[in-house]
């Protein structure tokens, strides 16, 4: 099941996008952020450029072939925090939004089809993500307790239960992605959702759904960089 994972990230992030469509990104703010910089990444994480905020706005132009992730950060190392970063999909068009420099997470993108679909999926998964958060918090608490008291059979059993529950929630999250792909064959999200479905440790249980969803993708999605990556992985998944 895992033998194809060694090249999974290469397939997802290693396909260069041909420059075919122009994107103009315009961020406007009412906050006093003039003279500050925002750091930009796109397609894959990592610094690509920096943009000066001037006149209460910043503008950034690039050319892409298809929707890709766009990363904004207040630091060039793209250190993850709740307020310093924002990730969203862009596609050939003008992407315009309001932002608060103090809290980039508050940025809301509308009118970008793939980002709208991503938000729909996020809302769909919200209960599962909340369960995962609560389970992780309880697991962390149990791990802290066992560090304090030492070897304890009762605590260890509870930790094992929590790990099992974590795997179960991860599977449901992966399954929800595959179900989303089944009903959204024309979405650029679908190939990645199917890839991550294959990566799940219980992927055998949803393998038929994965095959069905991948076969139903529109030709446009199949020919996208991530679509091509998906179909490079599927043969290894079938043999695992």
Protein backbone atom coordinates (compact mmCIF):
# COMPACT_ATOMS: atom_id res chain seq x y z
CA UNK A 1 0.00 0.00 0.00
CA UNK A 2 2.81 2.42 0.78
CA UNK A 3 5.33 1.56 -1.92
CA UNK A 4 4.06 4.30 -4.21
CA UNK A 5 4.34 7.00 -1.52
CA UNK A 6 8.04 7.55 -2.07
CA UNK A 7 7.20 9.44 -5.25
CA UNK A 8 3.81 10.76 -4.12
CA UNK A 9 5.00 14.25 -3.23
CA UNK A 10 7.12 14.43 -6.36
CA UNK A 11 4.04 13.69 -8.44
CA UNK A 12 1.92 16.25 -6.58
CA UNK A 13 4.45 19.07 -6.44
CA UNK A 14 6.90 18.18 -9.18
CA UNK A 15 4.82 18.94 -12.24
CA UNK A 16 5.71 22.39 -13.54
CA UNK A 17 2.86 24.51 -14.79
CA UNK A 18 3.10 26.00 -18.28
CA UNK A 19 2.49 29.73 -18.47
CA UNK A 20 -0.80 30.09 -20.31
CA UNK A 21 -3.10 32.27 -18.21
CA UNK A 22 -2.54 35.58 -16.42
CA UNK A 23 -3.48 36.07 -12.79
CA UNK A 24 -3.64 39.46 -11.08
CA UNK A 25 -3.86 39.34 -7.30
CA UNK A 26 -4.95 42.52 -5.56
CA UNK A 27 -5.12 42.77 -1.79
CA UNK A 28 -6.53 45.91 -0.17
CA UNK A 29 -6.36 46.82 3.51
CA UNK A 30 -7.63 49.47 5.88
CA UNK A 31 -4.94 48.64 8.43
CA UNK A 32 -1.76 50.67 8.72
CA UNK A 33 0.51 48.26 6.88
CA UNK A 34 2.19 50.52 4.35
CA UNK A 35 5.89 49.74 4.09
CA UNK A 36 5.38 46.15 5.26
CA UNK A 37 6.17 43.17 3.07
CA UNK A 38 4.19 40.05 2.30
CA UNK A 39 6.06 36.96 1.15
CA UNK A 40 4.69 34.91 -1.69
CA UNK A 41 4.79 31.24 -2.59
CA UNK A 42 2.87 29.44 -5.30
CA UNK A 43 2.38 25.93 -6.65
CA UNK A 44 4.42 24.48 -3.78
CA UNK A 45 5.42 25.86 -0.37
CA UNK A 46 8.50 28.06 -0.19
CA UNK A 47 9.57 31.60 -0.91
CA UNK A 48 9.07 32.78 -4.48
CA UNK A 49 8.87 36.55 -4.06
CA UNK A 50 8.10 39.48 -1.76
CA UNK A 51 5.57 42.25 -2.26
CA UNK A 52 5.60 45.70 -0.68
CA UNK A 53 2.32 47.06 0.69
CA UNK A 54 1.91 50.61 -0.57
CA UNK A 55 -1.14 52.83 -0.79
CA UNK A 56 -2.97 50.33 1.45
CA UNK A 57 -2.72 47.55 -1.10
CA UNK A 58 -0.42 45.12 -2.85
CA UNK A 59 -0.54 43.67 -6.33
CA UNK A 60 1.06 40.53 -7.69
CA UNK A 61 0.98 39.12 -11.23
CA UNK A 62 1.93 35.71 -12.52
CA UNK A 63 1.04 33.30 -15.28
CA UNK A 64 -0.27 29.80 -14.73
CA UNK A 65 -1.86 27.02 -16.73
CA UNK A 66 -4.46 25.91 -14.18
CA UNK A 67 -5.56 26.57 -10.58
CA UNK A 68 -2.71 26.34 -8.06
CA UNK A 69 -2.15 27.03 -4.39
CA UNK A 70 -1.04 30.57 -3.52
CA UNK A 71 0.76 31.23 -0.24
CA UNK A 72 0.92 34.55 1.60
CA UNK A 73 3.03 35.00 4.71
CA UNK A 74 4.29 37.77 6.94
CA UNK A 75 7.66 36.02 7.22
CA UNK A 76 9.93 34.68 4.53
CA UNK A 77 10.29 31.30 6.24
CA UNK A 78 6.54 30.72 5.96
CA UNK A 79 6.38 29.85 9.63
CA UNK A 80 2.96 28.46 10.37
CA UNK A 81 0.72 30.37 12.73
CA UNK A 82 -2.96 31.21 12.90
CA UNK A 83 -2.50 34.82 11.85
CA UNK A 84 0.71 35.05 9.81
CA UNK A 85 -0.22 32.92 6.81
CA UNK A 86 -2.96 32.34 4.28
CA UNK A 87 -3.21 29.66 1.60
CA UNK A 88 -5.81 29.71 -1.15
CA UNK A 89 -6.36 28.63 -4.74
CA UNK A 90 -5.89 31.04 -7.60
CA UNK A 91 -6.78 30.60 -11.26
CA UNK A 92 -6.31 32.71 -14.40
CA UNK A 93 -8.32 35.84 -13.63
CA UNK A 94 -8.27 38.80 -11.24
CA UNK A 95 -8.37 37.72 -7.60
CA UNK A 96 -9.31 40.64 -5.35
CA UNK A 97 -9.83 40.64 -1.59
CA UNK A 98 -9.67 42.70 1.58
CA UNK A 99 -7.12 41.82 4.24
CA UNK A 100 -6.03 42.73 7.74
CA UNK A 101 -2.24 42.63 8.02
CA UNK A 102 -2.54 41.68 11.69
CA UNK A 103 -4.51 38.54 10.80
CA UNK A 104 -4.01 37.10 7.33
CA UNK A 105 -6.17 34.11 8.25
CA UNK A 106 -9.19 36.40 8.06
CA UNK A 107 -8.79 36.73 4.27
CA UNK A 108 -11.82 35.40 2.42
CA UNK A 109 -11.62 34.60 -1.28
CA UNK A 110 -14.73 34.49 -3.44
CA UNK A 111 -15.32 34.03 -7.14
CA UNK A 112 -12.48 31.54 -7.62
CA UNK A 113 -14.17 28.26 -8.53
CA UNK A 114 -11.56 25.92 -7.05
CA UNK A 115 -11.30 27.96 -3.84
CA UNK A 116 -15.11 27.99 -3.54
CA UNK A 117 -15.05 24.19 -3.87
CA UNK A 118 -12.28 23.96 -1.28
CA UNK A 119 -14.38 26.01 1.14
CA UNK A 120 -17.36 23.75 0.49
CA UNK A 121 -15.21 20.73 1.31
CA UNK A 122 -13.84 22.44 4.43
CA UNK A 123 -17.38 23.03 5.72
CA UNK A 124 -18.30 19.43 4.91
CA UNK A 125 -15.30 18.17 6.89
CA UNK A 126 -15.66 20.59 9.78
CA UNK A 127 -17.27 18.06 12.20
CA UNK A 128 -14.57 15.48 11.41
CA UNK A 129 -11.81 18.04 11.83
CA UNK A 130 -13.30 19.04 15.18
CA UNK A 131 -13.35 15.41 16.29
CA UNK A 132 -9.72 15.08 15.24
CA UNK A 133 -8.77 18.20 17.18
CA UNK A 134 -10.51 16.96 20.32
CA UNK A 135 -8.98 13.51 20.00
CA UNK A 136 -5.48 14.96 19.54
CA UNK A 137 -5.92 17.15 22.61
CA UNK A 138 -6.95 14.14 24.71
CA UNK A 139 -4.08 12.11 23.28
CA UNK A 140 -1.61 14.86 24.17
CA UNK A 141 -3.01 14.99 27.69
CA UNK A 142 -2.66 11.23 28.09
CA UNK A 143 0.91 11.32 26.79
CA UNK A 144 1.75 14.02 29.32
CA UNK A 145 0.20 11.97 32.12
CA UNK A 146 2.14 8.83 31.25
CA UNK A 147 5.36 10.83 31.21
CA UNK A 148 4.63 11.95 34.75
CA UNK A 149 3.54 8.64 36.25
CA UNK A 150 5.68 6.27 34.16
CA UNK A 151 4.54 2.91 32.82
CA UNK A 152 0.82 2.51 33.39
CA UNK A 153 -1.25 -0.21 31.74
CA UNK A 154 -4.56 1.63 32.02
CA UNK A 155 -3.17 4.82 30.49
CA UNK A 156 -1.41 2.89 27.75
CA UNK A 157 -4.64 1.17 26.76
CA UNK A 158 -6.41 4.53 26.63
CA UNK A 159 -3.62 5.94 24.45
CA UNK A 160 -3.96 2.99 22.08
CA UNK A 161 -7.70 3.61 21.87
CA UNK A 162 -7.04 7.22 21.00
CA UNK A 163 -4.58 6.25 18.26
CA UNK A 164 -7.15 3.85 16.85
CA UNK A 165 -9.76 6.60 16.90
CA UNK A 166 -7.32 8.94 15.15
CA UNK A 167 -6.86 6.41 12.34
CA UNK A 168 -10.63 6.01 12.10
CA UNK A 169 -11.19 9.77 11.78
CA UNK A 170 -8.40 10.08 9.21
CA UNK A 171 -10.10 7.38 7.17
CA UNK A 172 -13.44 9.20 7.30
CA UNK A 173 -11.72 12.41 6.19
CA UNK A 174 -10.06 10.58 3.31
CA UNK A 175 -13.36 8.91 2.40
CA UNK A 176 -15.14 12.27 2.37
CA UNK A 177 -12.55 13.51 -0.11
CA UNK A 178 -13.13 10.54 -2.41
CA UNK A 179 -16.88 11.06 -2.18
CA UNK A 180 -16.35 14.72 -3.05
CA UNK A 181 -14.33 13.70 -6.11
CA UNK A 182 -17.12 11.35 -7.18
CA UNK A 183 -19.59 14.23 -7.26
CA UNK A 184 -17.13 16.82 -8.62
CA UNK A 185 -15.49 15.24 -11.68
CA UNK A 186 -14.67 18.68 -13.12
CA UNK A 187 -12.87 19.97 -10.02
CA UNK A 188 -9.11 20.49 -9.89
CA UNK A 189 -9.35 19.38 -6.25
CA UNK A 190 -10.43 15.87 -7.18
CA UNK A 191 -7.07 14.35 -8.26
CA UNK A 192 -5.36 15.35 -5.02
CA UNK A 193 -8.30 14.10 -2.96
CA UNK A 194 -8.07 10.73 -4.71
CA UNK A 195 -4.29 10.60 -4.22
CA UNK A 196 -4.65 11.23 -0.50
CA UNK A 197 -7.42 8.66 -0.40
CA UNK A 198 -4.95 6.12 -1.77
CA UNK A 199 -2.40 7.16 0.85
CA UNK A 200 -4.73 6.34 3.75
CA UNK A 201 -3.76 3.15 5.57
CA UNK A 202 -7.28 1.75 5.05
CA UNK A 203 -7.45 2.73 1.39
CA UNK A 204 -8.43 -0.81 0.35
CA UNK A 205 -11.89 -0.13 1.80
CA UNK A 206 -12.49 2.72 -0.65
CA UNK A 207 -10.46 1.45 -3.59
CA UNK A 208 -13.50 0.84 -5.83
CA UNK A 209 -14.74 4.36 -5.12
CA UNK A 210 -11.30 5.71 -6.04
CA UNK A 211 -11.27 3.82 -9.35
CA UNK A 212 -14.79 4.97 -10.16
CA UNK A 213 -14.07 8.60 -9.29
CA UNK A 214 -10.81 8.67 -11.25
CA UNK A 215 -12.51 7.18 -14.30
CA UNK A 216 -15.30 9.77 -14.12
CA UNK A 217 -12.99 12.79 -14.15
CA UNK A 218 -13.48 15.10 -17.09
CA UNK A 219 -10.83 15.12 -19.78
CA UNK A 220 -9.73 18.60 -18.70
CA UNK A 221 -8.98 17.35 -15.17
CA UNK A 222 -7.33 14.15 -16.42
CA UNK A 223 -4.99 16.24 -18.55
CA UNK A 224 -4.13 18.66 -15.74
CA UNK A 225 -0.77 18.32 -14.00
CA UNK A 226 -2.34 16.77 -10.92
CA UNK A 227 -4.62 14.60 -13.02
CA UNK A 228 -1.60 13.20 -14.84
CA UNK A 229 0.06 12.65 -11.47
CA UNK A 230 -2.97 10.71 -10.26
CA UNK A 231 -2.88 8.34 -13.22
CA UNK A 232 0.85 7.74 -12.74
CA UNK A 233 0.12 6.60 -9.18
CA UNK A 234 -2.97 4.44 -9.79
CA UNK A 235 -1.09 1.45 -11.34
CA UNK A 236 1.16 1.19 -8.27
CA UNK A 237 -1.87 1.49 -6.00
CA UNK A 238 -3.64 -1.35 -7.80
CA UNK A 239 -0.58 -3.59 -7.41
CA UNK A 240 -0.09 -2.84 -3.70
